Amino acid sequence: MAMSPRSLLTLCALSAPSLSACALVLGISEGELGPTADGGDDDGSAEASHGDGTVPSGDATIALDAGRDSSAAPTVCGALIDNFDDGTSEIPPCVGRVGRWAAGNDTTKGGVQVPTNGALVVPAAGGVDGGGFAAHTTGKGFIERGADIHVMLNTSSNIYEKGKTYDASHYSGITFWAKSKTLRDVYINFPDRSRYTEDGVCKGTLCGDYYGDGQQIGTTWSKKTVKFSQINADVDGGAAFDSAHLYGIEFHIAPKSDAGAGAAFDFWIDDVAFIP
């Protein structure tokens, strides 16, 4: 699958005052990435209803927490990354995995995103189960590198931090549920050590050109799957994708698409989980 060039996006952090005001570096596409031929999974099974309060993940079933006790000791990580139903921007903490959801964009003059650039994503009512919560972003006018919502996997900051990666090597990819106000392509990027500038592994245009894959998002909730074996980068060469050192996951709207440059976007993400 051919992908168009990606380059670095520097976002201004709203928190962590000890860090540079513009220290959040994400790789997002300058153009279109082709979604997979089948647009991901929508198997029409009973999984869509979540009537029993669980979310499937491979051969396991993970309970959906209605809330979170922040004083409780971290537990061993399961496949579920976040179902958003606790209403916070934080993912459920577990041993070796902690993070927050935040928004980001290329700061095009006149561009508008909700939440704003660098702000934490607070879940909104209206999840896939009809009564829960989900991550939601809207916006328009980003014509340089686009906009996204993203999650860190091993830092409580809202920026990636050198060396603070999560070992996802025992998983084969992720699943998530998504819907959009209009039919749109959303690109799922996986910032890892091999392409993160600060780690010193990549060189030149390879830096910030994160491995990823595109998925077509329709106007009703549907389940999507992205396998690590199917992701690639715009620029060939350099180190292979390193799932053992994963910084986060990005859900990105490219600036150029069938909808037009800088076109409006309005999409939801729910029940994000790793798969075995």
Protein backbone atom coordinates (compact mmCIF):
# COMPACT_ATOMS: atom_id res chain seq x y z
CA MET A 1 0.00 0.00 0.00
CA ALA A 2 1.53 3.30 -1.04
CA MET A 3 1.50 6.11 1.48
CA SER A 4 2.22 9.78 0.96
CA PRO A 5 5.02 11.59 2.85
CA ARG A 6 4.69 12.21 6.55
CA SER A 7 6.69 14.77 8.47
CA LEU A 8 7.03 15.97 12.03
CA LEU A 9 4.36 18.00 13.76
CA THR A 10 5.42 20.04 16.78
CA LEU A 11 2.61 20.73 19.19
CA CYS A 12 2.65 23.07 22.17
CA ALA A 13 2.12 21.27 25.47
CA LEU A 14 -0.48 22.81 27.74
CA SER A 15 0.81 21.11 30.85
CA ALA A 16 4.20 19.97 32.19
CA PRO A 17 5.59 23.51 32.55
CA SER A 18 9.12 22.22 33.06
CA LEU A 19 9.15 21.11 29.43
CA SER A 20 9.55 23.22 26.35
CA ALA A 21 6.37 25.01 25.31
CA CYS A 22 6.45 23.20 21.97
CA ALA A 23 7.82 19.79 22.86
CA LEU A 24 5.15 17.40 21.65
CA VAL A 25 6.35 15.88 18.41
CA LEU A 26 3.98 13.65 16.46
CA GLY A 27 4.28 12.26 12.95
CA ILE A 28 1.25 12.98 10.82
CA SER A 29 0.63 12.73 7.12
CA GLU A 30 0.92 15.61 4.65
CA GLY A 31 -1.36 13.77 2.23
CA GLU A 32 -3.53 10.72 1.75
CA LEU A 33 -2.90 7.25 3.08
CA GLY A 34 -4.92 4.55 1.40
CA PRO A 35 -7.24 2.69 3.75
CA THR A 36 -7.20 -1.08 3.70
CA ALA A 37 -9.24 -2.63 0.93
CA ASP A 38 -11.97 -3.86 3.25
CA GLY A 39 -11.93 -0.76 5.47
CA GLY A 40 -11.33 -2.88 8.58
CA ASP A 41 -13.69 -5.19 10.40
CA ASP A 42 -17.43 -4.84 10.71
CA ASP A 43 -18.53 -8.40 11.26
CA GLY A 44 -22.11 -7.62 12.23
CA SER A 45 -21.93 -9.90 15.24
CA ALA A 46 -23.45 -9.40 18.67
CA GLU A 47 -20.23 -7.64 19.71
CA ALA A 48 -21.76 -4.36 18.56
CA SER A 49 -24.38 -4.27 21.28
CA HIS A 50 -22.07 -4.81 24.29
CA GLY A 51 -25.25 -5.72 26.12
CA ASP A 52 -23.37 -7.74 28.73
CA GLY A 53 -21.00 -4.89 29.64
CA THR A 54 -17.90 -6.42 28.06
CA VAL A 55 -15.68 -5.73 25.08
CA PRO A 56 -14.25 -8.68 23.12
CA SER A 57 -10.50 -8.89 22.62
CA GLY A 58 -9.29 -11.91 20.69
CA ASP A 59 -9.93 -15.00 22.76
CA ALA A 60 -10.48 -13.03 25.96
CA THR A 61 -13.32 -10.92 27.31
CA ILE A 62 -12.50 -7.80 29.27
CA ALA A 63 -14.85 -6.20 31.77
CA LEU A 64 -15.75 -2.58 31.04
CA ASP A 65 -15.10 -0.57 34.18
CA ALA A 66 -17.75 1.96 35.10
CA GLY A 67 -15.17 3.97 37.05
CA ARG A 68 -11.68 3.90 38.44
CA ASP A 69 -10.20 3.99 41.94
CA SER A 70 -7.09 6.14 41.49
CA SER A 71 -5.73 4.96 44.85
CA ALA A 72 -5.73 1.30 43.82
CA ALA A 73 -2.42 -0.34 42.93
CA PRO A 74 -1.90 -0.90 39.18
CA THR A 75 -2.97 -4.32 37.98
CA VAL A 76 -1.47 -6.57 35.36
CA CYS A 77 -2.34 -5.16 31.93
CA GLY A 78 -5.08 -6.76 29.89
CA ALA A 79 -5.73 -6.13 26.22
CA LEU A 80 -8.15 -3.25 26.81
CA ILE A 81 -6.48 0.15 26.43
CA ASP A 82 -9.54 2.33 27.12
CA ASN A 83 -13.32 2.19 26.89
CA PHE A 84 -13.65 5.84 28.10
CA ASP A 85 -16.52 4.97 30.43
CA ASP A 86 -14.81 6.44 33.49
CA GLY A 87 -15.20 9.86 31.82
CA THR A 88 -11.53 10.86 32.18
CA SER A 89 -8.71 11.48 29.70
CA GLU A 90 -6.56 8.87 31.45
CA ILE A 91 -6.34 5.27 30.30
CA PRO A 92 -6.83 2.64 33.02
CA PRO A 93 -3.37 2.29 34.63
CA CYS A 94 -1.72 -1.09 34.79
CA VAL A 95 1.80 -2.39 35.27
CA GLY A 96 3.99 -0.80 32.59
CA ARG A 97 1.15 1.15 30.94
CA VAL A 98 -0.15 4.60 31.81
CA GLY A 99 -1.23 7.49 29.63
CA ARG A 100 -3.64 10.20 28.56
CA TRP A 101 -5.64 11.13 25.49
CA ALA A 102 -4.89 14.50 23.89
CA ALA A 103 -5.66 16.41 20.69
CA GLY A 104 -3.15 17.79 18.21
CA ASN A 105 -3.03 19.65 14.91
CA ASP A 106 -0.69 21.49 12.55
CA THR A 107 -1.73 24.97 13.82
CA THR A 108 -2.83 26.17 10.36
CA LYS A 109 -4.00 29.78 10.69
CA GLY A 110 -7.79 29.75 10.84
CA GLY A 111 -7.92 26.04 11.63
CA VAL A 112 -10.25 24.99 14.44
CA GLN A 113 -10.25 21.78 16.50
CA VAL A 114 -12.23 20.73 19.55
CA PRO A 115 -10.53 19.85 21.86
CA THR A 116 -7.91 22.48 21.07
CA ASN A 117 -4.31 21.73 20.11
CA GLY A 118 -2.51 20.04 23.02
CA ALA A 119 -5.62 19.83 25.21
CA LEU A 120 -6.65 16.62 26.92
CA VAL A 121 -9.55 14.70 25.39
CA VAL A 122 -12.39 14.37 27.91
CA PRO A 123 -14.78 11.58 26.82
CA ALA A 124 -18.24 12.59 25.64
CA ALA A 125 -21.52 10.75 26.18
CA GLY A 126 -22.61 8.55 23.29
CA GLY A 127 -20.33 5.51 23.14
CA VAL A 128 -20.75 2.43 21.01
CA ASP A 129 -22.96 0.76 23.62
CA GLY A 130 -25.40 3.67 23.48
CA GLY A 131 -25.02 4.60 27.13
CA GLY A 132 -21.30 4.98 27.71
CA PHE A 133 -18.64 7.45 26.68
CA ALA A 134 -16.22 7.80 23.76
CA ALA A 135 -13.43 10.05 22.52
CA HIS A 136 -14.75 12.73 20.15
CA THR A 137 -13.10 15.44 18.08
CA THR A 138 -14.31 17.93 15.48
CA GLY A 139 -12.53 20.49 13.39
CA LYS A 140 -11.67 21.97 10.00
CA GLY A 141 -9.12 24.04 8.12
CA PHE A 142 -5.88 22.09 8.68
CA ILE A 143 -4.02 22.07 5.37
CA GLU A 144 -0.41 21.39 6.33
CA ARG A 145 -0.27 18.10 8.23
CA GLY A 146 -3.78 17.63 9.55
CA ALA A 147 -5.10 16.90 13.03
CA ASP A 148 -5.50 13.97 15.40
CA ILE A 149 -6.38 12.58 18.78
CA HIS A 150 -3.74 10.38 20.33
CA VAL A 151 -2.89 8.42 23.44
CA MET A 152 0.43 8.03 25.25
CA LEU A 153 1.14 4.54 26.57
CA ASN A 154 3.84 5.01 29.20
CA THR A 155 3.75 8.55 30.56
CA SER A 156 1.25 10.53 32.60
CA SER A 157 2.27 13.66 30.70
CA ASN A 158 0.38 14.76 27.59
CA ILE A 159 3.55 14.64 25.52
CA TYR A 160 5.78 11.78 24.44
CA GLU A 161 8.94 11.50 26.53
CA LYS A 162 12.16 9.91 25.32
CA GLY A 163 12.52 6.33 26.47
CA LYS A 164 9.05 6.07 28.01
CA THR A 165 7.67 3.38 25.75
CA TYR A 166 5.30 0.46 26.18
CA ASP A 167 6.16 -3.13 25.23
CA ALA A 168 3.37 -4.25 22.89
CA SER A 169 5.41 -7.04 21.31
CA HIS A 170 3.11 -9.71 22.76
CA TYR A 171 0.20 -8.24 20.78
CA SER A 172 -0.44 -8.39 17.02
CA GLY A 173 -2.31 -5.10 16.59
CA ILE A 174 -5.31 -3.16 17.86
CA THR A 175 -9.07 -3.05 17.48
CA PHE A 176 -11.34 -0.08 18.03
CA TRP A 177 -14.84 1.10 17.25
CA ALA A 178 -15.40 4.29 15.28
CA LYS A 179 -17.96 6.44 13.53
CA SER A 180 -17.89 9.74 11.64
CA LYS A 181 -20.46 12.39 10.77
CA THR A 182 -19.51 11.90 7.13
CA LEU A 183 -17.54 9.12 5.42
CA ARG A 184 -13.87 9.83 6.17
CA ASP A 185 -10.50 8.11 6.14
CA VAL A 186 -8.77 8.04 9.52
CA TYR A 187 -5.12 7.04 9.71
CA ILE A 188 -3.85 5.04 12.66
CA ASN A 189 -0.19 5.77 13.36
CA PHE A 190 2.09 4.00 15.84
CA PRO A 191 4.95 6.22 17.06
CA ASP A 192 7.79 3.88 18.04
CA ARG A 193 11.49 4.05 18.85
CA SER A 194 12.53 3.33 15.26
CA ARG A 195 10.99 6.60 13.98
CA TYR A 196 11.02 8.87 17.03
CA THR A 197 13.61 11.62 16.51
CA GLU A 198 14.76 11.87 20.13
CA ASP A 199 15.78 8.20 20.27
CA GLY A 200 18.48 8.69 17.63
CA VAL A 201 17.62 5.51 15.71
CA CYS A 202 16.18 7.17 12.62
CA LYS A 203 17.87 9.61 10.25
CA GLY A 204 16.60 12.37 7.98
CA THR A 205 13.12 11.95 6.50
CA LEU A 206 12.61 8.65 8.33
CA CYS A 207 12.21 10.53 11.61
CA GLY A 208 8.57 11.21 12.37
CA ASP A 209 7.46 9.06 9.44
CA TYR A 210 5.60 6.69 11.73
CA TYR A 211 4.32 3.30 10.68
CA GLY A 212 0.56 3.22 10.24
CA ASP A 213 -2.50 2.23 8.23
CA GLY A 214 -5.66 3.94 6.98
CA GLN A 215 -9.22 2.92 7.81
CA GLN A 216 -12.43 4.21 6.24
CA ILE A 217 -14.86 5.34 8.92
CA GLY A 218 -18.60 5.33 8.15
CA THR A 219 -21.54 7.11 9.73
CA THR A 220 -22.51 4.27 12.08
CA TRP A 221 -20.43 2.52 14.70
CA SER A 222 -18.24 -0.22 13.25
CA LYS A 223 -15.36 -2.30 14.58
CA LYS A 224 -11.95 -1.82 12.96
CA THR A 225 -8.79 -3.90 13.16
CA VAL A 226 -5.23 -2.83 12.41
CA LYS A 227 -2.57 -5.56 12.44
CA PHE A 228 1.05 -4.61 13.02
CA SER A 229 1.90 -6.89 10.10
CA GLN A 230 -0.03 -4.64 7.68
CA ILE A 231 1.30 -1.22 8.70
CA ASN A 232 4.01 0.60 6.79
CA ALA A 233 5.61 4.02 6.44
CA ASP A 234 5.80 6.51 3.59
CA VAL A 235 9.58 6.36 3.31
CA ASP A 236 11.18 2.93 2.94
CA GLY A 237 14.36 1.97 4.74
CA GLY A 238 15.71 2.30 8.22
CA ALA A 239 14.77 0.17 11.19
CA ALA A 240 11.69 -2.04 11.16
CA PHE A 241 8.63 -1.22 13.26
CA ASP A 242 9.48 -1.81 16.92
CA SER A 243 6.35 -2.87 18.79
CA ALA A 244 8.45 -3.55 21.89
CA HIS A 245 9.05 0.20 22.20
CA LEU A 246 5.74 1.88 21.39
CA TYR A 247 5.15 5.48 22.47
CA GLY A 248 1.47 5.76 21.63
CA ILE A 249 -1.32 5.50 19.08
CA GLU A 250 -2.62 8.32 16.87
CA PHE A 251 -5.99 8.63 15.09
CA HIS A 252 -5.22 11.16 12.39
CA ILE A 253 -7.15 13.13 9.78
CA ALA A 254 -4.90 13.98 6.83
CA PRO A 255 -5.06 17.48 5.30
CA LYS A 256 -5.69 16.13 1.80
CA SER A 257 -8.48 13.69 1.08
CA ASP A 258 -11.47 13.02 -1.13
CA ALA A 259 -13.35 15.43 1.13
CA GLY A 260 -11.00 18.24 0.04
CA ALA A 261 -8.05 20.05 1.60
CA GLY A 262 -8.78 21.13 5.15
CA ALA A 263 -12.26 19.60 5.04
CA ALA A 264 -14.34 19.47 8.22
CA PHE A 265 -14.10 16.33 10.35
CA ASP A 266 -16.22 14.95 13.17
CA PHE A 267 -15.39 11.46 14.41
CA TRP A 268 -15.66 9.25 17.48
CA ILE A 269 -13.40 6.48 18.83
CA ASP A 270 -14.37 3.88 21.44
CA ASP A 271 -13.27 0.57 23.00
CA VAL A 272 -9.62 0.67 21.94
CA ALA A 273 -7.85 -2.61 22.69
CA PHE A 274 -4.80 -4.62 21.76
CA ILE A 275 -5.33 -7.98 20.10
CA PRO A 276 -3.24 -11.15 20.78
